[in-house]
Amino acid sequence: MLERIRIVLIGTSHPGNIGGTARAMHNMGLADLALVAPRCEPLTADTVSRASGADTLVHNARTVDNLEDAVGDCTLVVGASARSRTLPWPMITPRELGRRLPAELSSTQGRVALIFGREDSGLTNTELQRCHAHVHIPTNPDFSSLNLAAAVQVLAYECRLACLTETTDSAEPEAAPLATHEELEHYFAHLERCLIAIGFYDPAMPRQLMARLRRFTLRARPERMELNILRGILTATQRQAERHKDE
């Protein structure tokens, strides 16, 4: 289960935090690290020092330009953050995240990404809206700022605890594969094009329509087959709209 959990760091500005994250991951048996547009050189003497023997994870980490490239194959994407400032999103605790993992990873195609933002500003609202849910570590409200590696350590511990106590019956049939992040993003782009074509959505006056539809869909956790059905409906709707326009 642990090998299918990916830690994603966005815009990290200090190499020591990348090293500290690698150490926290290795402590808990996680090994899949992705770096999105780091604002520092990922592999330095400081990285190696803070990794304390776990720098192999940094050597093997993927460095990509954007979030989509880091989580495209994932079926559950969770952002480590407080609530979105503009639109409430499903919020879970680290312990709740751990409890969800056995079911989320019951399929061999299941893959989970845990997203951590910049040290100084965290995740943007756009990045948060790419997540199925947000996880918030209930820190002391009078001193809530956590070091990046410490935040990773908390969630990595909950992941390991869930793995150690996992009691899912292996004889149960494998769950139908969920839609991946990449497939969902293609669906949202298709949905927007269709809504514009039928006159339901005006990009000049968005009123958070697409954000709300995104939140609804991500909360539903559609299977790949279900998403294909929805895209088939959109395609048929577009054809009818074109036919009506011609007539």
Protein backbone atom coordinates (compact mmCIF):
# COMPACT_ATOMS: atom_id res chain seq x y z
CA MET A 1 0.00 0.00 0.00
CA LEU A 2 2.78 2.44 0.92
CA GLU A 3 4.49 2.12 -2.45
CA ARG A 4 1.40 3.61 -4.13
CA ILE A 5 1.38 6.78 -2.01
CA ARG A 6 3.15 9.76 -3.55
CA ILE A 7 4.36 12.86 -1.72
CA VAL A 8 4.27 15.97 -3.92
CA LEU A 9 6.05 19.20 -2.96
CA ILE A 10 5.11 22.36 -4.86
CA GLY A 11 7.45 25.34 -5.17
CA THR A 12 9.78 24.34 -2.33
CA SER A 13 12.24 27.16 -1.66
CA HIS A 14 14.79 25.52 0.68
CA PRO A 15 16.74 22.34 -0.21
CA GLY A 16 16.91 21.39 3.45
CA ASN A 17 13.13 20.95 3.48
CA ILE A 18 13.38 18.54 0.56
CA GLY A 19 15.98 16.55 2.47
CA GLY A 20 13.89 16.62 5.64
CA THR A 21 10.88 15.42 3.66
CA ALA A 22 12.89 12.53 2.22
CA ARG A 23 13.95 11.51 5.75
CA ALA A 24 10.35 11.70 7.03
CA MET A 25 9.16 9.57 4.11
CA HIS A 26 11.91 6.97 4.49
CA ASN A 27 11.19 6.70 8.23
CA MET A 28 7.62 5.64 7.39
CA GLY A 29 8.34 3.46 4.36
CA LEU A 30 7.29 5.89 1.63
CA ALA A 31 9.52 6.28 -1.42
CA ASP A 32 7.60 8.09 -4.19
CA LEU A 33 8.56 11.78 -4.19
CA ALA A 34 7.65 14.36 -6.85
CA LEU A 35 8.87 17.97 -6.95
CA VAL A 36 6.76 20.54 -8.79
CA ALA A 37 8.61 23.65 -9.98
CA PRO A 38 11.02 23.82 -7.02
CA ARG A 39 12.36 27.30 -6.29
CA CYS A 40 15.74 25.93 -5.24
CA GLU A 41 18.29 23.39 -6.39
CA PRO A 42 16.77 20.12 -5.07
CA LEU A 43 20.02 18.25 -4.48
CA THR A 44 22.61 20.15 -2.43
CA ALA A 45 24.85 19.44 0.54
CA ASP A 46 22.06 20.78 2.76
CA THR A 47 19.61 18.34 1.18
CA VAL A 48 21.91 15.39 1.82
CA SER A 49 22.61 16.53 5.38
CA ARG A 50 18.92 16.89 6.29
CA ALA A 51 18.03 13.62 4.55
CA SER A 52 20.33 11.74 6.96
CA GLY A 53 20.78 8.73 4.70
CA ALA A 54 17.49 9.05 2.78
CA ASP A 55 18.93 11.13 -0.09
CA THR A 56 18.29 8.23 -2.49
CA LEU A 57 14.66 9.38 -2.49
CA VAL A 58 15.77 12.80 -3.71
CA HIS A 59 17.98 11.27 -6.39
CA ASN A 60 14.99 9.22 -7.59
CA ALA A 61 12.43 12.03 -7.28
CA ARG A 62 10.64 13.27 -10.38
CA THR A 63 10.89 17.01 -11.04
CA VAL A 64 8.02 18.39 -13.15
CA ASP A 65 6.72 21.78 -14.18
CA ASN A 66 3.12 21.55 -12.98
CA LEU A 67 0.78 19.74 -10.63
CA GLU A 68 -1.02 17.85 -13.41
CA ASP A 69 2.22 16.15 -14.48
CA ALA A 70 2.86 15.08 -10.88
CA VAL A 71 -0.55 13.55 -10.14
CA GLY A 72 -2.00 12.62 -13.54
CA ASP A 73 -2.09 8.88 -12.76
CA CYS A 74 -3.48 9.27 -9.22
CA THR A 75 -7.02 8.29 -8.24
CA LEU A 76 -7.07 10.30 -4.99
CA VAL A 77 -5.40 13.70 -4.62
CA VAL A 78 -5.36 15.30 -1.16
CA GLY A 79 -4.01 18.78 -0.47
CA ALA A 80 -2.45 19.56 2.90
CA SER A 81 -3.98 22.92 3.76
CA ALA A 82 -6.60 24.86 5.64
CA ARG A 83 -9.92 25.45 3.88
CA SER A 84 -10.00 27.18 0.50
CA ARG A 85 -10.50 30.90 0.94
CA THR A 86 -13.22 31.21 -1.69
CA LEU A 87 -15.14 27.93 -1.77
CA PRO A 88 -15.41 25.30 1.00
CA TRP A 89 -14.03 21.88 0.03
CA PRO A 90 -14.27 18.45 1.74
CA MET A 91 -11.97 18.58 4.77
CA ILE A 92 -10.52 15.56 6.62
CA THR A 93 -8.09 15.03 9.48
CA PRO A 94 -4.84 13.04 9.12
CA ARG A 95 -6.44 10.12 11.02
CA GLU A 96 -9.45 10.15 8.68
CA LEU A 97 -7.07 10.14 5.73
CA GLY A 98 -5.39 7.03 7.13
CA ARG A 99 -8.72 5.28 7.60
CA ARG A 100 -9.60 5.91 3.95
CA LEU A 101 -6.40 4.48 2.50
CA PRO A 102 -7.19 0.72 2.59
CA ALA A 103 -10.34 1.24 0.53
CA GLU A 104 -8.68 3.78 -1.76
CA LEU A 105 -5.80 1.40 -2.48
CA SER A 106 -7.79 -1.84 -2.58
CA SER A 107 -7.47 -1.79 -6.38
CA THR A 108 -4.00 -2.36 -7.78
CA GLN A 109 -4.62 0.69 -9.99
CA GLY A 110 -5.31 2.92 -7.00
CA ARG A 111 -2.72 5.60 -6.33
CA VAL A 112 -2.80 8.42 -3.77
CA ALA A 113 -1.02 11.78 -3.92
CA LEU A 114 -0.51 13.98 -0.87
CA ILE A 115 0.20 17.57 -1.94
CA PHE A 116 2.20 20.08 0.11
CA GLY A 117 2.53 23.74 -0.84
CA ARG A 118 5.16 26.44 -0.58
CA GLU A 119 6.76 27.20 2.77
CA ASP A 120 5.68 30.84 2.65
CA SER A 121 2.23 30.67 1.04
CA GLY A 122 1.04 27.07 0.89
CA LEU A 123 -1.21 25.92 -1.96
CA THR A 124 -3.11 28.31 -4.21
CA ASN A 125 -6.89 28.08 -4.52
CA THR A 126 -6.46 26.76 -8.06
CA GLU A 127 -4.21 23.96 -6.77
CA LEU A 128 -6.60 23.20 -3.92
CA GLN A 129 -9.45 22.87 -6.42
CA ARG A 130 -7.49 20.13 -8.19
CA CYS A 131 -7.79 18.00 -5.03
CA HIS A 132 -10.54 15.59 -4.05
CA ALA A 133 -10.20 16.67 -0.42
CA HIS A 134 -8.08 18.80 1.89
CA VAL A 135 -6.35 17.48 5.00
CA HIS A 136 -5.73 19.79 7.92
CA ILE A 137 -3.39 18.97 10.81
CA PRO A 138 -5.11 20.21 14.00
CA THR A 139 -2.21 22.18 15.44
CA ASN A 140 -2.20 24.63 18.34
CA PRO A 141 -4.22 27.61 16.99
CA ASP A 142 -1.87 29.99 18.81
CA PHE A 143 1.15 28.53 17.00
CA SER A 144 -0.10 26.69 13.94
CA SER A 145 2.82 27.02 11.51
CA LEU A 146 4.44 23.63 10.82
CA ASN A 147 7.80 23.00 9.20
CA LEU A 148 7.23 21.34 5.80
CA ALA A 149 9.06 18.13 6.72
CA ALA A 150 7.16 17.96 10.03
CA ALA A 151 3.84 18.17 8.18
CA VAL A 152 4.96 15.39 5.84
CA GLN A 153 6.02 13.33 8.86
CA VAL A 154 2.56 13.57 10.45
CA LEU A 155 0.75 12.41 7.31
CA ALA A 156 3.36 9.77 6.50
CA TYR A 157 2.93 8.34 10.00
CA GLU A 158 -0.83 8.07 9.52
CA CYS A 159 -0.26 6.33 6.20
CA ARG A 160 2.07 3.80 7.81
CA LEU A 161 -0.29 3.25 10.74
CA ALA A 162 -3.13 2.54 8.30
CA CYS A 163 -0.92 0.07 6.45
CA LEU A 164 0.06 -1.77 9.63
CA THR A 165 -3.54 -2.06 10.84
CA GLU A 166 -5.08 -2.74 7.42
CA THR A 167 -7.63 -5.55 7.68
CA THR A 168 -9.24 -5.54 4.21
CA ASP A 169 -10.25 -9.07 3.15
CA SER A 170 -7.97 -9.98 0.26
CA ALA A 171 -10.62 -12.40 -1.02
CA GLU A 172 -12.96 -9.53 -1.88
CA PRO A 173 -13.24 -8.77 -5.62
CA GLU A 174 -11.08 -5.90 -6.81
CA ALA A 175 -12.95 -2.60 -6.90
CA ALA A 176 -13.66 -0.96 -10.25
CA PRO A 177 -10.84 1.47 -11.13
CA LEU A 178 -11.51 5.08 -10.27
CA ALA A 179 -10.92 7.87 -12.75
CA THR A 180 -7.42 9.31 -12.54
CA HIS A 181 -6.61 12.97 -12.06
CA GLU A 182 -5.64 13.27 -15.74
CA GLU A 183 -8.92 11.70 -16.89
CA LEU A 184 -10.88 14.02 -14.61
CA GLU A 185 -9.10 17.08 -15.98
CA HIS A 186 -9.97 16.02 -19.54
CA TYR A 187 -13.59 15.60 -18.42
CA PHE A 188 -13.72 19.07 -16.83
CA ALA A 189 -12.34 20.64 -20.02
CA HIS A 190 -14.92 18.70 -22.07
CA LEU A 191 -17.71 19.72 -19.71
CA GLU A 192 -16.78 23.40 -19.97
CA ARG A 193 -16.72 23.27 -23.77
CA CYS A 194 -20.13 21.60 -23.82
CA LEU A 195 -21.73 24.05 -21.39
CA ILE A 196 -20.45 26.97 -23.46
CA ALA A 197 -21.76 25.37 -26.65
CA ILE A 198 -25.30 25.01 -25.29
CA GLY A 199 -25.31 28.49 -23.78
CA PHE A 200 -25.44 27.38 -20.15
CA TYR A 201 -22.05 28.78 -19.15
CA ASP A 202 -20.62 32.19 -19.96
CA PRO A 203 -16.85 32.42 -19.25
CA ALA A 204 -17.24 36.21 -18.97
CA MET A 205 -19.53 35.69 -15.96
CA PRO A 206 -18.27 32.44 -14.39
CA ARG A 207 -19.81 32.86 -10.90
CA GLN A 208 -17.77 29.86 -9.70
CA LEU A 209 -19.92 27.49 -11.77
CA MET A 210 -17.01 25.33 -12.94
CA ALA A 211 -15.45 25.34 -9.47
CA ARG A 212 -18.72 24.12 -7.96
CA LEU A 213 -19.14 21.43 -10.63
CA ARG A 214 -15.52 20.41 -10.02
CA ARG A 215 -16.14 20.13 -6.27
CA PHE A 216 -19.31 18.09 -6.83
CA THR A 217 -17.63 15.68 -9.24
CA LEU A 218 -14.50 15.18 -7.13
CA ARG A 219 -16.66 14.52 -4.08
CA ALA A 220 -18.52 11.81 -6.02
CA ARG A 221 -15.28 9.91 -6.84
CA PRO A 222 -16.47 8.59 -10.24
CA GLU A 223 -15.18 5.31 -11.61
CA ARG A 224 -13.42 5.36 -14.98
CA MET A 225 -16.42 3.72 -16.68
CA GLU A 226 -18.81 6.25 -15.14
CA LEU A 227 -16.65 9.12 -16.37
CA ASN A 228 -16.64 7.62 -19.86
CA ILE A 229 -20.46 7.53 -19.77
CA LEU A 230 -20.57 11.19 -18.74
CA ARG A 231 -18.21 12.16 -21.55
CA GLY A 232 -20.38 10.20 -23.99
CA ILE A 233 -23.38 12.23 -22.84
CA LEU A 234 -21.42 15.46 -23.36
CA THR A 235 -20.40 14.40 -26.86
CA ALA A 236 -24.01 13.54 -27.76
CA THR A 237 -25.17 16.88 -26.33
CA GLN A 238 -22.62 18.76 -28.44
CA ARG A 239 -23.77 16.92 -31.58
CA GLN A 240 -27.40 17.79 -30.89
CA ALA A 241 -26.44 21.42 -30.29
CA GLU A 242 -24.60 21.56 -33.61
CA ARG A 243 -27.53 19.90 -35.39
CA HIS A 244 -29.98 22.36 -33.85
CA LYS A 245 -27.74 25.27 -34.88
CA ASP A 246 -27.64 24.01 -38.50
CA GLU A 247 -31.42 23.62 -38.62
